Amino acid sequence: MEKKRLGVYFGTFAPFHKGHQQQIYKCAALNDQVLLVVSGYTDDRGDKIGLPLSQRYQYLQEAFADEADINVAMLDETDLPPMPQGWDAWFTRLFGLLKKYQSQEITFYVGEPEYVTELGARFPQDTRTYKVEMADRQDIKISATEIRENPLLHWNEINPVFRRHFTKIVGIIGGRKSGKSTLARRLARSFNNAPFAEKIEQAITSAGNQGIVFIDNTLSPDMDLVLLIPSDNDAALLKKIAEQGLTEKVVRLDDEETIRDMRAYLGRYYHAIDAISQYTGIQIDRLKY
């Protein structure tokens, strides 16, 4: 079937959330194809939180990998003049992305009134029909700014692919029979049954990921905290930790045994919860003692 209508939706998507997704599905329903354009520049709002343009582009491609009629393109603004001087160059680059599409009717869905005016003044003089439609952002009241300020509060609004960026990763390591697996499991269940596993990707992509995951016996430079249960193998473990650049993120759970807490399990558990709060900002309720 000839694809006559193309819907174009652009933004920074830092991060991509369910409001954006609803707009894209609206575009997809009203057009034969959708071009999703992620734009940005070096040190933009996404870059400032470790989510640069190239990463956002990759995540969006992954998010719509199974949607044949939703295509993702990247518009790098780094070398363009700032607005308002940059309008001409920006739209020239945007219209350049449309050249490979044969669609005769192109509709731009925008979130700001100024884009209606600026786009309308720069439509190419060719045989195509161009339109601009304001996207309604009132029905789903969530913004990327609010998410960046408090990802956990708005966790369900974040697209699942983008959630990995905001996920706090806690590693638990120690010697054999040190109780690390038990501790990982109990910490995870203390935070709404958070995922716990040996493989980070498995935990992060789990449907149960609500902002924090617990990794048993595996190290990664991406970890926010490493909980070390002391053992006779400490020297080797500390060497591995240093190799991953995690030395400053280690908390030794060196709680001593007591008559009441004969294996120091309770002391270790509470110590771990307090460390999680300090290093990740995530609160897990616990008893005083």
C-alpha atoms as a PDB file:
ATOM      1  CA  MET A   1       0.000   0.000   0.000  1.00  0.00           C
ATOM      2  CA  GLU A   2       1.282   3.445  -0.902  1.00  0.00           C
ATOM      3  CA  LYS A   3       2.122   5.467   2.183  1.00  0.00           C
ATOM      4  CA  LYS A   4       0.672   8.892   1.404  1.00  0.00           C
ATOM      5  CA  ARG A   5       0.563  10.511   4.843  1.00  0.00           C
ATOM      6  CA  LEU A   6       3.526  11.131   7.129  1.00  0.00           C
ATOM      7  CA  GLY A   7       3.243  12.392  10.702  1.00  0.00           C
ATOM      8  CA  VAL A   8       6.317  14.112  12.158  1.00  0.00           C
ATOM      9  CA  TYR A   9       6.791  14.462  15.902  1.00  0.00           C
ATOM     10  CA  PHE A  10       9.953  15.937  17.392  1.00  0.00           C
ATOM     11  CA  GLY A  11      11.384  16.702  20.806  1.00  0.00           C
ATOM     12  CA  THR A  12      14.336  16.230  23.134  1.00  0.00           C
ATOM     13  CA  PHE A  13      12.754  13.248  24.951  1.00  0.00           C
ATOM     14  CA  ALA A  14      14.941  13.539  28.052  1.00  0.00           C
ATOM     15  CA  PRO A  15      13.403  11.220  29.026  1.00  0.00           C
ATOM     16  CA  PHE A  16      10.701   9.776  26.806  1.00  0.00           C
ATOM     17  CA  HIS A  17       7.475   9.356  28.798  1.00  0.00           C
ATOM     18  CA  LYS A  18       3.917   8.093  28.367  1.00  0.00           C
ATOM     19  CA  GLY A  19       2.647  11.513  27.271  1.00  0.00           C
ATOM     20  CA  HIS A  20       5.076  11.419  24.335  1.00  0.00           C
ATOM     21  CA  GLN A  21       4.055   7.849  23.595  1.00  0.00           C
ATOM     22  CA  GLN A  22       0.365   8.726  23.426  1.00  0.00           C
ATOM     23  CA  GLN A  23       1.124  11.530  20.968  1.00  0.00           C
ATOM     24  CA  ILE A  24       3.097   9.145  18.780  1.00  0.00           C
ATOM     25  CA  TYR A  25       0.330   6.560  18.767  1.00  0.00           C
ATOM     26  CA  LYS A  26      -2.080   9.329  17.791  1.00  0.00           C
ATOM     27  CA  CYS A  27       0.261  10.219  14.906  1.00  0.00           C
ATOM     28  CA  ALA A  28       0.458   6.575  13.907  1.00  0.00           C
ATOM     29  CA  ALA A  29      -3.327   6.197  13.877  1.00  0.00           C
ATOM     30  CA  LEU A  30      -3.871   9.299  11.741  1.00  0.00           C
ATOM     31  CA  ASN A  31      -1.025   8.720   9.266  1.00  0.00           C
ATOM     32  CA  ASP A  32       0.525   5.946   7.220  1.00  0.00           C
ATOM     33  CA  GLN A  33       3.972   6.486   8.718  1.00  0.00           C
ATOM     34  CA  VAL A  34       5.516   8.377  11.630  1.00  0.00           C
ATOM     35  CA  LEU A  35       8.899  10.058  11.771  1.00  0.00           C
ATOM     36  CA  LEU A  36      10.001  10.533  15.365  1.00  0.00           C
ATOM     37  CA  VAL A  37      12.812  13.096  15.527  1.00  0.00           C
ATOM     38  CA  VAL A  38      14.917  13.327  18.675  1.00  0.00           C
ATOM     39  CA  SER A  39      16.902  16.558  18.807  1.00  0.00           C
ATOM     40  CA  GLY A  40      19.528  18.011  21.083  1.00  0.00           C
ATOM     41  CA  TYR A  41      23.075  19.240  21.446  1.00  0.00           C
ATOM     42  CA  THR A  42      26.188  18.746  23.535  1.00  0.00           C
ATOM     43  CA  ASP A  43      25.502  19.584  27.199  1.00  0.00           C
ATOM     44  CA  ASP A  44      21.736  19.849  26.699  1.00  0.00           C
ATOM     45  CA  ARG A  45      19.230  18.986  29.443  1.00  0.00           C
ATOM     46  CA  GLY A  46      19.558  15.283  28.731  1.00  0.00           C
ATOM     47  CA  ASP A  47      23.334  15.365  28.535  1.00  0.00           C
ATOM     48  CA  LYS A  48      23.443  17.045  31.952  1.00  0.00           C
ATOM     49  CA  ILE A  49      21.898  13.934  33.536  1.00  0.00           C
ATOM     50  CA  GLY A  50      24.039  11.482  31.592  1.00  0.00           C
ATOM     51  CA  LEU A  51      21.474  10.937  28.829  1.00  0.00           C
ATOM     52  CA  PRO A  52      23.092  12.444  25.707  1.00  0.00           C
ATOM     53  CA  LEU A  53      21.423  12.751  22.323  1.00  0.00           C
ATOM     54  CA  SER A  54      23.058   9.602  20.927  1.00  0.00           C
ATOM     55  CA  GLN A  55      21.783   7.553  23.884  1.00  0.00           C
ATOM     56  CA  ARG A  56      18.256   8.927  23.573  1.00  0.00           C
ATOM     57  CA  TYR A  57      18.301   8.078  19.877  1.00  0.00           C
ATOM     58  CA  GLN A  58      19.409   4.520  20.649  1.00  0.00           C
ATOM     59  CA  TYR A  59      16.748   4.081  23.328  1.00  0.00           C
ATOM     60  CA  LEU A  60      13.979   5.354  21.029  1.00  0.00           C
ATOM     61  CA  GLN A  61      15.055   2.973  18.288  1.00  0.00           C
ATOM     62  CA  GLU A  62      14.812   0.159  20.806  1.00  0.00           C
ATOM     63  CA  ALA A  63      11.441   1.362  22.118  1.00  0.00           C
ATOM     64  CA  PHE A  64       9.881   1.214  18.635  1.00  0.00           C
ATOM     65  CA  ALA A  65      11.884  -1.660  17.165  1.00  0.00           C
ATOM     66  CA  ASP A  66       8.700  -3.677  16.584  1.00  0.00           C
ATOM     67  CA  GLU A  67       6.759  -0.799  14.959  1.00  0.00           C
ATOM     68  CA  ALA A  68       7.595  -0.916  11.247  1.00  0.00           C
ATOM     69  CA  ASP A  69       5.804   2.347  10.447  1.00  0.00           C
ATOM     70  CA  ILE A  70       7.370   4.381  13.266  1.00  0.00           C
ATOM     71  CA  ASN A  71      10.857   5.512  12.295  1.00  0.00           C
ATOM     72  CA  VAL A  72      13.358   7.345  14.492  1.00  0.00           C
ATOM     73  CA  ALA A  73      15.801  10.013  13.308  1.00  0.00           C
ATOM     74  CA  MET A  74      18.338  12.180  15.117  1.00  0.00           C
ATOM     75  CA  LEU A  75      18.774  15.932  14.673  1.00  0.00           C
ATOM     76  CA  ASP A  76      22.037  17.178  16.189  1.00  0.00           C
ATOM     77  CA  GLU A  77      21.866  20.907  16.962  1.00  0.00           C
ATOM     78  CA  THR A  78      25.393  21.232  18.367  1.00  0.00           C
ATOM     79  CA  ASP A  79      26.754  23.212  15.411  1.00  0.00           C
ATOM     80  CA  LEU A  80      23.621  25.332  14.875  1.00  0.00           C
ATOM     81  CA  PRO A  81      23.163  28.944  16.037  1.00  0.00           C
ATOM     82  CA  PRO A  82      21.052  29.414  19.189  1.00  0.00           C
ATOM     83  CA  MET A  83      17.405  30.404  18.823  1.00  0.00           C
ATOM     84  CA  PRO A  84      15.947  32.621  17.475  1.00  0.00           C
ATOM     85  CA  GLN A  85      18.881  33.000  15.073  1.00  0.00           C
ATOM     86  CA  GLY A  86      18.922  29.260  14.449  1.00  0.00           C
ATOM     87  CA  TRP A  87      15.394  28.750  13.135  1.00  0.00           C
ATOM     88  CA  ASP A  88      16.360  28.650   9.439  1.00  0.00           C
ATOM     89  CA  ALA A  89      19.235  26.219   9.944  1.00  0.00           C
ATOM     90  CA  TRP A  90      17.186  24.029  12.296  1.00  0.00           C
ATOM     91  CA  PHE A  91      14.263  23.657   9.911  1.00  0.00           C
ATOM     92  CA  THR A  92      16.576  23.117   6.935  1.00  0.00           C
ATOM     93  CA  ARG A  93      18.028  20.170   8.812  1.00  0.00           C
ATOM     94  CA  LEU A  94      14.564  18.926   9.800  1.00  0.00           C
ATOM     95  CA  PHE A  95      13.204  19.105   6.252  1.00  0.00           C
ATOM     96  CA  GLY A  96      16.345  17.304   5.076  1.00  0.00           C
ATOM     97  CA  LEU A  97      15.251  14.290   7.108  1.00  0.00           C
ATOM     98  CA  LEU A  98      12.029  14.109   5.070  1.00  0.00           C
ATOM     99  CA  LYS A  99      13.682  13.677   1.678  1.00  0.00           C
ATOM    100  CA  LYS A 100      13.691   9.888   1.743  1.00  0.00           C
ATOM    101  CA  TYR A 101       9.934   9.741   2.326  1.00  0.00           C
ATOM    102  CA  GLN A 102       7.574   9.711  -0.659  1.00  0.00           C
ATOM    103  CA  SER A 103       4.565  10.878   1.347  1.00  0.00           C
ATOM    104  CA  GLN A 104       2.557  13.664  -0.262  1.00  0.00           C
ATOM    105  CA  GLU A 105       0.844  14.890   2.916  1.00  0.00           C
ATOM    106  CA  ILE A 106       3.068  15.758   5.872  1.00  0.00           C
ATOM    107  CA  THR A 107       1.696  16.829   9.250  1.00  0.00           C
ATOM    108  CA  PHE A 108       3.910  18.177  12.023  1.00  0.00           C
ATOM    109  CA  TYR A 109       2.676  17.664  15.575  1.00  0.00           C
ATOM    110  CA  VAL A 110       4.145  20.321  17.869  1.00  0.00           C
ATOM    111  CA  GLY A 111       3.803  21.235  21.529  1.00  0.00           C
ATOM    112  CA  GLU A 112       4.587  24.961  21.400  1.00  0.00           C
ATOM    113  CA  PRO A 113       2.637  27.692  19.541  1.00  0.00           C
ATOM    114  CA  GLU A 114       5.832  29.309  18.234  1.00  0.00           C
ATOM    115  CA  TYR A 115       6.563  26.194  16.189  1.00  0.00           C
ATOM    116  CA  VAL A 116       3.277  26.638  14.357  1.00  0.00           C
ATOM    117  CA  THR A 117       4.354  30.093  13.213  1.00  0.00           C
ATOM    118  CA  GLU A 118       7.993  29.264  12.502  1.00  0.00           C
ATOM    119  CA  LEU A 119       7.191  26.056  10.628  1.00  0.00           C
ATOM    120  CA  GLY A 120       4.467  27.676   8.561  1.00  0.00           C
ATOM    121  CA  ALA A 121       6.866  30.388   7.425  1.00  0.00           C
ATOM    122  CA  ARG A 122       9.386  27.835   6.147  1.00  0.00           C
ATOM    123  CA  PHE A 123       7.383  25.134   4.390  1.00  0.00           C
ATOM    124  CA  PRO A 124       9.276  23.960   1.276  1.00  0.00           C
ATOM    125  CA  GLN A 125       7.877  25.127  -2.043  1.00  0.00           C
ATOM    126  CA  ASP A 126       7.256  21.731  -3.600  1.00  0.00           C
ATOM    127  CA  THR A 127       4.365  19.480  -4.589  1.00  0.00           C
ATOM    128  CA  ARG A 128       3.728  18.205  -1.095  1.00  0.00           C
ATOM    129  CA  THR A 129       1.049  19.406   1.311  1.00  0.00           C
ATOM    130  CA  TYR A 130       2.325  20.546   4.721  1.00  0.00           C
ATOM    131  CA  LYS A 131       0.298  21.084   7.896  1.00  0.00           C
ATOM    132  CA  VAL A 132       0.961  21.802  11.560  1.00  0.00           C
ATOM    133  CA  GLU A 133      -1.169  20.525  14.415  1.00  0.00           C
ATOM    134  CA  MET A 134      -0.817  21.467  18.072  1.00  0.00           C
ATOM    135  CA  ALA A 135      -0.340  18.432  20.301  1.00  0.00           C
ATOM    136  CA  ASP A 136      -2.656  18.475  23.304  1.00  0.00           C
ATOM    137  CA  ARG A 137      -0.492  18.168  26.406  1.00  0.00           C
ATOM    138  CA  GLN A 138      -3.257  18.814  28.922  1.00  0.00           C
ATOM    139  CA  ASP A 139      -4.807  15.345  28.910  1.00  0.00           C
ATOM    140  CA  ILE A 140      -1.665  13.700  30.309  1.00  0.00           C
ATOM    141  CA  LYS A 141      -0.081  16.152  32.699  1.00  0.00           C
ATOM    142  CA  ILE A 142       3.489  14.997  33.048  1.00  0.00           C
ATOM    143  CA  SER A 143       6.683  16.673  31.936  1.00  0.00           C
ATOM    144  CA  ALA A 144      10.230  15.481  31.370  1.00  0.00           C
ATOM    145  CA  THR A 145      11.383  18.231  33.741  1.00  0.00           C
ATOM    146  CA  GLU A 146       9.333  16.756  36.593  1.00  0.00           C
ATOM    147  CA  ILE A 147      10.712  13.307  35.844  1.00  0.00           C
ATOM    148  CA  ARG A 148      14.310  14.520  35.834  1.00  0.00           C
ATOM    149  CA  GLU A 149      13.748  16.189  39.205  1.00  0.00           C
ATOM    150  CA  ASN A 150      12.230  13.093  40.826  1.00  0.00           C
ATOM    151  CA  PRO A 151      12.338   9.939  38.675  1.00  0.00           C
ATOM    152  CA  LEU A 152      11.038   7.604  41.390  1.00  0.00           C
ATOM    153  CA  LEU A 153       7.960   9.718  42.023  1.00  0.00           C
ATOM    154  CA  HIS A 154       7.070   9.516  38.325  1.00  0.00           C
ATOM    155  CA  TRP A 155       8.457   6.039  37.663  1.00  0.00           C
ATOM    156  CA  ASN A 156       5.355   4.690  35.948  1.00  0.00           C
ATOM    157  CA  GLU A 157       5.354   7.629  33.537  1.00  0.00           C
ATOM    158  CA  ILE A 158       8.829   6.809  32.170  1.00  0.00           C
ATOM    159  CA  ASN A 159       9.055   4.629  29.077  1.00  0.00           C
ATOM    160  CA  PRO A 160      10.385   1.192  30.123  1.00  0.00           C
ATOM    161  CA  VAL A 161      13.428   1.422  27.847  1.00  0.00           C
ATOM    162  CA  PHE A 162      14.464   4.730  29.445  1.00  0.00           C
ATOM    163  CA  ARG A 163      13.991   3.439  32.994  1.00  0.00           C
ATOM    164  CA  ARG A 164      17.366   1.734  32.971  1.00  0.00           C
ATOM    165  CA  HIS A 165      19.024   5.163  32.972  1.00  0.00           C
ATOM    166  CA  PHE A 166      17.350   6.138  36.236  1.00  0.00           C
ATOM    167  CA  THR A 167      17.689   2.757  37.944  1.00  0.00           C
ATOM    168  CA  LYS A 168      19.893   2.604  41.023  1.00  0.00           C
ATOM    169  CA  ILE A 169      22.084  -0.501  41.035  1.00  0.00           C
ATOM    170  CA  VAL A 170      23.224  -2.031  44.316  1.00  0.00           C
ATOM    171  CA  GLY A 171      25.749  -4.854  44.290  1.00  0.00           C
ATOM    172  CA  ILE A 172      26.191  -7.295  47.177  1.00  0.00           C
ATOM    173  CA  ILE A 173      29.433  -9.251  47.279  1.00  0.00           C
ATOM    174  CA  GLY A 174      31.299 -11.410  49.774  1.00  0.00           C
ATOM    175  CA  GLY A 175      32.872 -14.788  50.275  1.00  0.00           C
ATOM    176  CA  ARG A 176      31.171 -18.151  49.940  1.00  0.00           C
ATOM    177  CA  LYS A 177      28.399 -18.760  52.458  1.00  0.00           C
ATOM    178  CA  SER A 178      28.668 -15.164  53.659  1.00  0.00           C
ATOM    179  CA  GLY A 179      24.921 -14.611  53.398  1.00  0.00           C
ATOM    180  CA  LYS A 180      25.151 -12.254  50.416  1.00  0.00           C
ATOM    181  CA  SER A 181      22.375 -13.948  48.442  1.00  0.00           C
ATOM    182  CA  THR A 182      20.077 -13.911  51.459  1.00  0.00           C
ATOM    183  CA  LEU A 183      20.825 -10.238  52.056  1.00  0.00           C
ATOM    184  CA  ALA A 184      20.189  -9.366  48.394  1.00  0.00           C
ATOM    185  CA  ARG A 185      16.850 -11.153  48.483  1.00  0.00           C
ATOM    186  CA  ARG A 186      15.740  -9.517  51.721  1.00  0.00           C
ATOM    187  CA  LEU A 187      16.762  -6.033  50.633  1.00  0.00           C
ATOM    188  CA  ALA A 188      14.899  -6.490  47.347  1.00  0.00           C
ATOM    189  CA  ARG A 189      11.750  -7.658  49.081  1.00  0.00           C
ATOM    190  CA  SER A 190      11.999  -4.741  51.492  1.00  0.00           C
ATOM    191  CA  PHE A 191      11.550  -2.396  48.521  1.00  0.00           C
ATOM    192  CA  ASN A 192       8.304  -3.599  46.956  1.00  0.00           C
ATOM    193  CA  ASN A 193       9.804  -6.861  45.708  1.00  0.00           C
ATOM    194  CA  ALA A 194      12.481  -5.140  43.644  1.00  0.00           C
ATOM    195  CA  PRO A 195      14.381  -7.384  41.212  1.00  0.00           C
ATOM    196  CA  PHE A 196      17.472  -9.230  42.433  1.00  0.00           C
ATOM    197  CA  ALA A 197      19.681 -11.314  40.173  1.00  0.00           C
ATOM    198  CA  GLU A 198      23.269 -12.005  39.157  1.00  0.00           C
ATOM    199  CA  LYS A 199      22.841 -10.355  35.742  1.00  0.00           C
ATOM    200  CA  ILE A 200      22.284  -6.599  35.696  1.00  0.00           C
ATOM    201  CA  GLU A 201      20.425  -6.498  32.381  1.00  0.00           C
ATOM    202  CA  GLN A 202      18.006  -9.153  33.604  1.00  0.00           C
ATOM    203  CA  ALA A 203      17.218  -7.134  36.722  1.00  0.00           C
ATOM    204  CA  ILE A 204      16.985  -3.735  35.034  1.00  0.00           C
ATOM    205  CA  THR A 205      14.650  -4.898  32.274  1.00  0.00           C
ATOM    206  CA  SER A 206      12.439  -6.818  34.690  1.00  0.00           C
ATOM    207  CA  ALA A 207       8.835  -5.668  34.917  1.00  0.00           C
ATOM    208  CA  GLY A 208       9.372  -5.413  38.667  1.00  0.00           C
ATOM    209  CA  ASN A 209      12.010  -2.683  38.348  1.00  0.00           C
ATOM    210  CA  GLN A 210      10.689   0.308  40.285  1.00  0.00           C
ATOM    211  CA  GLY A 211      13.911   2.301  40.428  1.00  0.00           C
ATOM    212  CA  ILE A 212      16.343   0.053  42.264  1.00  0.00           C
ATOM    213  CA  VAL A 213      17.759  -3.417  41.617  1.00  0.00           C
ATOM    214  CA  PHE A 214      19.999  -5.673  43.675  1.00  0.00           C
ATOM    215  CA  ILE A 215      22.802  -7.645  42.063  1.00  0.00           C
ATOM    216  CA  ASP A 216      24.254 -10.696  43.758  1.00  0.00           C
ATOM    217  CA  ASN A 217      27.953 -11.498  43.311  1.00  0.00           C
ATOM    218  CA  THR A 218      28.530  -9.390  40.175  1.00  0.00           C
ATOM    219  CA  LEU A 219      30.387  -6.093  39.738  1.00  0.00           C
ATOM    220  CA  SER A 220      29.833  -3.362  37.155  1.00  0.00           C
ATOM    221  CA  PRO A 221      31.117   0.222  36.769  1.00  0.00           C
ATOM    222  CA  ASP A 222      27.455   1.286  36.563  1.00  0.00           C
ATOM    223  CA  MET A 223      26.774   0.406  40.193  1.00  0.00           C
ATOM    224  CA  ASP A 224      25.738   3.149  42.599  1.00  0.00           C
ATOM    225  CA  LEU A 225      26.688   1.185  45.700  1.00  0.00           C
ATOM    226  CA  VAL A 226      28.618  -1.976  46.542  1.00  0.00           C
ATOM    227  CA  LEU A 227      27.825  -3.691  49.828  1.00  0.00           C
ATOM    228  CA  LEU A 228      30.794  -5.803  50.897  1.00  0.00           C
ATOM    229  CA  ILE A 229      30.324  -8.562  53.448  1.00  0.00           C
ATOM    230  CA  PRO A 230      33.805  -9.079  54.945  1.00  0.00           C
ATOM    231  CA  SER A 231      35.467 -12.449  54.434  1.00  0.00           C
ATOM    232  CA  ASP A 232      38.889 -14.089  54.199  1.00  0.00           C
ATOM    233  CA  ASN A 233      38.849 -13.154  50.506  1.00  0.00           C
ATOM    234  CA  ASP A 234      38.632  -9.385  51.055  1.00  0.00           C
ATOM    235  CA  ALA A 235      41.924  -8.545  49.319  1.00  0.00           C
ATOM    236  CA  ALA A 236      40.858 -10.228  46.076  1.00  0.00           C
ATOM    237  CA  LEU A 237      37.386  -8.679  46.219  1.00  0.00           C
ATOM    238  CA  LEU A 238      38.764  -5.193  46.871  1.00  0.00           C
ATOM    239  CA  LYS A 239      41.094  -5.582  43.901  1.00  0.00           C
ATOM    240  CA  LYS A 240      38.146  -6.442  41.646  1.00  0.00           C
ATOM    241  CA  ILE A 241      36.222  -3.482  43.050  1.00  0.00           C
ATOM    242  CA  ALA A 242      39.119  -1.145  42.271  1.00  0.00           C
ATOM    243  CA  GLU A 243      39.390  -2.515  38.722  1.00  0.00           C
ATOM    244  CA  GLN A 244      35.758  -1.501  38.157  1.00  0.00           C
ATOM    245  CA  GLY A 245      36.363   2.004  39.552  1.00  0.00           C
ATOM    246  CA  LEU A 246      34.026   1.384  42.480  1.00  0.00           C
ATOM    247  CA  THR A 247      36.321   1.959  45.457  1.00  0.00           C
ATOM    248  CA  GLU A 248      34.498   5.146  46.500  1.00  0.00           C
ATOM    249  CA  LYS A 249      31.150   3.359  46.397  1.00  0.00           C
ATOM    250  CA  VAL A 250      31.967   0.512  48.772  1.00  0.00           C
ATOM    251  CA  VAL A 251      30.375   0.103  52.180  1.00  0.00           C
ATOM    252  CA  ARG A 252      31.791  -2.676  54.363  1.00  0.00           C
ATOM    253  CA  LEU A 253      29.087  -4.411  56.329  1.00  0.00           C
ATOM    254  CA  ASP A 254      31.474  -5.110  59.182  1.00  0.00           C
ATOM    255  CA  ASP A 255      28.842  -5.305  61.899  1.00  0.00           C
ATOM    256  CA  GLU A 256      29.921  -7.351  64.882  1.00  0.00           C
ATOM    257  CA  GLU A 257      28.132 -10.335  66.301  1.00  0.00           C
ATOM    258  CA  THR A 258      26.320  -9.856  69.593  1.00  0.00           C
ATOM    259  CA  ILE A 259      24.589 -12.127  72.051  1.00  0.00           C
ATOM    260  CA  ARG A 260      21.277 -10.970  70.583  1.00  0.00           C
ATOM    261  CA  ASP A 261      22.398 -10.912  66.934  1.00  0.00           C
ATOM    262  CA  MET A 262      24.733 -13.906  66.949  1.00  0.00           C
ATOM    263  CA  ARG A 263      25.512 -13.901  63.209  1.00  0.00           C
ATOM    264  CA  ALA A 264      25.270 -10.109  62.767  1.00  0.00           C
ATOM    265  CA  TYR A 265      22.518 -10.642  60.182  1.00  0.00           C
ATOM    266  CA  LEU A 266      20.268  -7.971  61.646  1.00  0.00           C
ATOM    267  CA  GLY A 267      23.062  -5.440  62.058  1.00  0.00           C
ATOM    268  CA  ARG A 268      24.186  -6.063  58.486  1.00  0.00           C
ATOM    269  CA  TYR A 269      20.652  -5.712  57.155  1.00  0.00           C
ATOM    270  CA  TYR A 270      20.092  -2.371  58.890  1.00  0.00           C
ATOM    271  CA  HIS A 271      23.565  -1.151  57.900  1.00  0.00           C
ATOM    272  CA  ALA A 272      22.777  -1.995  54.268  1.00  0.00           C
ATOM    273  CA  ILE A 273      19.460  -0.133  54.357  1.00  0.00           C
ATOM    274  CA  ASP A 274      21.144   2.974  55.768  1.00  0.00           C
ATOM    275  CA  ALA A 275      23.868   2.794  53.105  1.00  0.00           C
ATOM    276  CA  ILE A 276      21.261   2.532  50.353  1.00  0.00           C
ATOM    277  CA  SER A 277      19.623   5.706  51.617  1.00  0.00           C
ATOM    278  CA  GLN A 278      22.965   7.529  51.722  1.00  0.00           C
ATOM    279  CA  TYR A 279      24.254   6.451  48.308  1.00  0.00           C
ATOM    280  CA  THR A 280      21.054   6.301  46.245  1.00  0.00           C
ATOM    281  CA  GLY A 281      18.602   8.579  48.039  1.00  0.00           C
ATOM    282  CA  ILE A 282      16.079   5.733  48.160  1.00  0.00           C
ATOM    283  CA  GLN A 283      14.409   5.205  51.512  1.00  0.00           C
ATOM    284  CA  ILE A 284      13.562   1.737  52.810  1.00  0.00           C
ATOM    285  CA  ASP A 285      11.599   1.741  56.045  1.00  0.00           C
ATOM    286  CA  ARG A 286      13.148  -0.262  58.871  1.00  0.00           C
ATOM    287  CA  LEU A 287      12.815  -0.756  62.601  1.00  0.00           C
ATOM    288  CA  LYS A 288      15.025   1.288  64.894  1.00  0.00           C
ATOM    289  CA  TYR A 289      16.531  -1.929  66.275  1.00  0.00           C
END
